[in-house]
């Protein structure tokens, strides 16, 4: 998603809503045998400041599908996370994203939000005991 800061300033749209989606990049997922099975949905807002810096806030939402990290059964989980980023015109200051030529590309900040929100494992259920779990027989009184 590209925002043209100059056009938004000319139109006096210094703030507004954002609703868009991105195709997932396979490199965003660090869990073995798991993929992002939906588009990455982004909902949020933007604000342009006097120095032409731009702040975006909102959420990213996506579906993980694949093998349970413990028992290898089929698993899926919707992940929703915060998305916050600040863009400054010119050179990056190390804490914020930078942009040039009046256009801001939000894609990298969204991908970063997905990477930071990625769980370490995908489970078929929260209390999954794993593939090697063998239930103990109940103590039976004779």
Protein backbone atom coordinates (compact mmCIF):
# COMPACT_ATOMS: atom_id res chain seq x y z
CA UNK A 1 0.00 0.00 0.00
CA UNK A 2 1.41 3.34 -1.08
CA UNK A 3 0.46 6.66 0.49
CA UNK A 4 1.32 9.88 -1.33
CA UNK A 5 2.00 12.35 1.48
CA UNK A 6 2.13 15.34 -0.85
CA UNK A 7 -1.26 14.58 -2.42
CA UNK A 8 -2.80 13.96 1.00
CA UNK A 9 -1.44 17.30 2.23
CA UNK A 10 -2.77 19.11 -0.83
CA UNK A 11 -6.18 17.54 -0.24
CA UNK A 12 -5.93 18.50 3.47
CA UNK A 13 -6.42 14.87 4.46
CA UNK A 14 -3.97 14.95 7.35
CA UNK A 15 -5.51 11.88 8.93
CA UNK A 16 -7.67 9.02 7.77
CA UNK A 17 -8.53 5.36 7.87
CA UNK A 18 -6.63 2.53 6.20
CA UNK A 19 -8.11 -0.80 5.13
CA UNK A 20 -6.12 -3.02 2.79
CA UNK A 21 -4.63 -6.49 2.47
CA UNK A 22 -1.30 -7.94 1.40
CA UNK A 23 -0.33 -11.28 -0.04
CA UNK A 24 1.81 -13.13 2.51
CA UNK A 25 5.48 -13.76 1.95
CA UNK A 26 6.56 -17.34 2.79
CA UNK A 27 9.71 -16.00 4.43
CA UNK A 28 7.64 -14.41 7.21
CA UNK A 29 6.86 -17.78 8.81
CA UNK A 30 9.53 -19.34 11.02
CA UNK A 31 7.47 -22.33 12.22
CA UNK A 32 8.29 -25.56 10.35
CA UNK A 33 5.46 -26.99 8.20
CA UNK A 34 3.29 -23.88 8.69
CA UNK A 35 2.17 -21.20 6.25
CA UNK A 36 0.08 -18.07 6.25
CA UNK A 37 -3.14 -19.31 4.62
CA UNK A 38 -4.91 -15.98 4.17
CA UNK A 39 -4.18 -12.51 2.99
CA UNK A 40 -2.77 -10.23 5.67
CA UNK A 41 -5.65 -7.92 6.56
CA UNK A 42 -4.66 -4.46 7.74
CA UNK A 43 -7.00 -2.02 9.48
CA UNK A 44 -5.80 1.22 10.94
CA UNK A 45 -5.36 4.92 10.63
CA UNK A 46 -2.70 7.41 9.57
CA UNK A 47 -1.74 10.91 10.66
CA UNK A 48 0.55 13.33 8.85
CA UNK A 49 2.44 15.86 10.99
CA UNK A 50 3.80 19.33 10.15
CA UNK A 51 7.27 17.97 9.36
CA UNK A 52 5.70 15.51 6.85
CA UNK A 53 6.39 12.56 9.13
CA UNK A 54 3.64 9.97 9.00
CA UNK A 55 2.38 7.74 11.79
CA UNK A 56 0.26 4.64 11.22
CA UNK A 57 -1.55 2.62 13.89
CA UNK A 58 -3.81 -0.36 13.65
CA UNK A 59 -3.91 -4.13 13.50
CA UNK A 60 -2.75 -6.92 11.23
CA UNK A 61 -4.69 -10.18 11.05
CA UNK A 62 -3.81 -13.46 9.33
CA UNK A 63 -4.47 -17.20 9.46
CA UNK A 64 -1.73 -19.72 10.20
CA UNK A 65 -2.25 -23.30 8.97
CA UNK A 66 -0.07 -26.35 9.10
CA UNK A 67 1.12 -29.16 11.32
CA UNK A 68 0.86 -28.88 15.10
CA UNK A 69 4.34 -28.25 16.47
CA UNK A 70 3.86 -30.97 19.11
CA UNK A 71 1.79 -33.79 17.56
CA UNK A 72 1.86 -33.01 13.80
CA UNK A 73 -1.95 -33.03 13.53
CA UNK A 74 -3.59 -30.37 11.39
CA UNK A 75 -3.77 -27.00 13.14
CA UNK A 76 -4.80 -23.44 12.43
CA UNK A 77 -4.90 -20.20 14.34
CA UNK A 78 -5.97 -16.64 13.59
CA UNK A 79 -3.37 -14.15 14.75
CA UNK A 80 -4.18 -10.49 15.37
CA UNK A 81 -1.51 -8.03 16.41
CA UNK A 82 -0.82 -4.32 16.74
CA UNK A 83 0.72 -2.44 13.84
CA UNK A 84 2.46 0.83 14.69
CA UNK A 85 5.03 2.60 12.54
CA UNK A 86 6.43 6.06 12.00
CA UNK A 87 7.87 7.23 8.68
CA UNK A 88 10.21 10.22 8.37
CA UNK A 89 11.11 11.99 5.16
CA UNK A 90 14.74 11.60 4.11
CA UNK A 91 17.25 9.39 5.89
CA UNK A 92 16.17 6.92 8.57
CA UNK A 93 17.08 7.79 12.14
CA UNK A 94 17.39 4.12 13.08
CA UNK A 95 14.09 4.01 14.98
CA UNK A 96 11.68 4.97 12.22
CA UNK A 97 11.12 4.01 8.62
CA UNK A 98 12.15 6.52 5.99
CA UNK A 99 10.62 7.58 2.70
CA UNK A 100 11.62 9.64 -0.31
CA UNK A 101 9.83 11.42 -3.14
CA UNK A 102 6.64 12.01 -1.11
CA UNK A 103 5.45 8.37 -1.20
CA UNK A 104 5.33 5.98 1.72
CA UNK A 105 5.26 2.22 1.09
CA UNK A 106 3.58 0.58 4.09
CA UNK A 107 4.30 -3.02 3.04
CA UNK A 108 7.60 -3.48 4.91
CA UNK A 109 6.15 -2.15 8.16
CA UNK A 110 3.21 -4.57 7.82
CA UNK A 111 5.56 -7.49 7.15
CA UNK A 112 7.61 -6.48 10.20
CA UNK A 113 4.45 -6.44 12.34
CA UNK A 114 3.62 -9.95 11.11
CA UNK A 115 7.13 -11.21 11.91
CA UNK A 116 7.03 -9.72 15.42
CA UNK A 117 3.58 -11.20 16.06
CA UNK A 118 4.43 -14.69 14.80
CA UNK A 119 4.06 -17.29 17.57
CA UNK A 120 6.97 -19.66 18.15
CA UNK A 121 4.74 -22.74 17.72
CA UNK A 122 1.38 -23.64 16.19
CA UNK A 123 -0.71 -25.98 18.32
CA UNK A 124 -3.79 -28.01 17.40
CA UNK A 125 -5.15 -27.19 20.88
CA UNK A 126 -3.67 -25.29 23.80
CA UNK A 127 -3.20 -28.40 25.93
CA UNK A 128 -1.73 -30.62 23.20
CA UNK A 129 0.40 -33.25 24.93
CA UNK A 130 2.49 -34.07 21.89
CA UNK A 131 3.18 -37.09 19.72
CA UNK A 132 4.97 -39.09 22.43
CA UNK A 133 2.30 -38.62 25.10
CA UNK A 134 0.88 -41.87 26.41
CA UNK A 135 -1.93 -41.58 28.90
CA UNK A 136 -1.38 -43.41 32.15
CA UNK A 137 -3.91 -46.15 32.92
CA UNK A 138 -6.31 -45.23 35.65
CA UNK A 139 -5.69 -46.91 38.97
CA UNK A 140 -8.34 -49.59 39.24
CA UNK A 141 -9.30 -51.10 42.57
CA UNK A 142 -9.83 -54.87 42.40
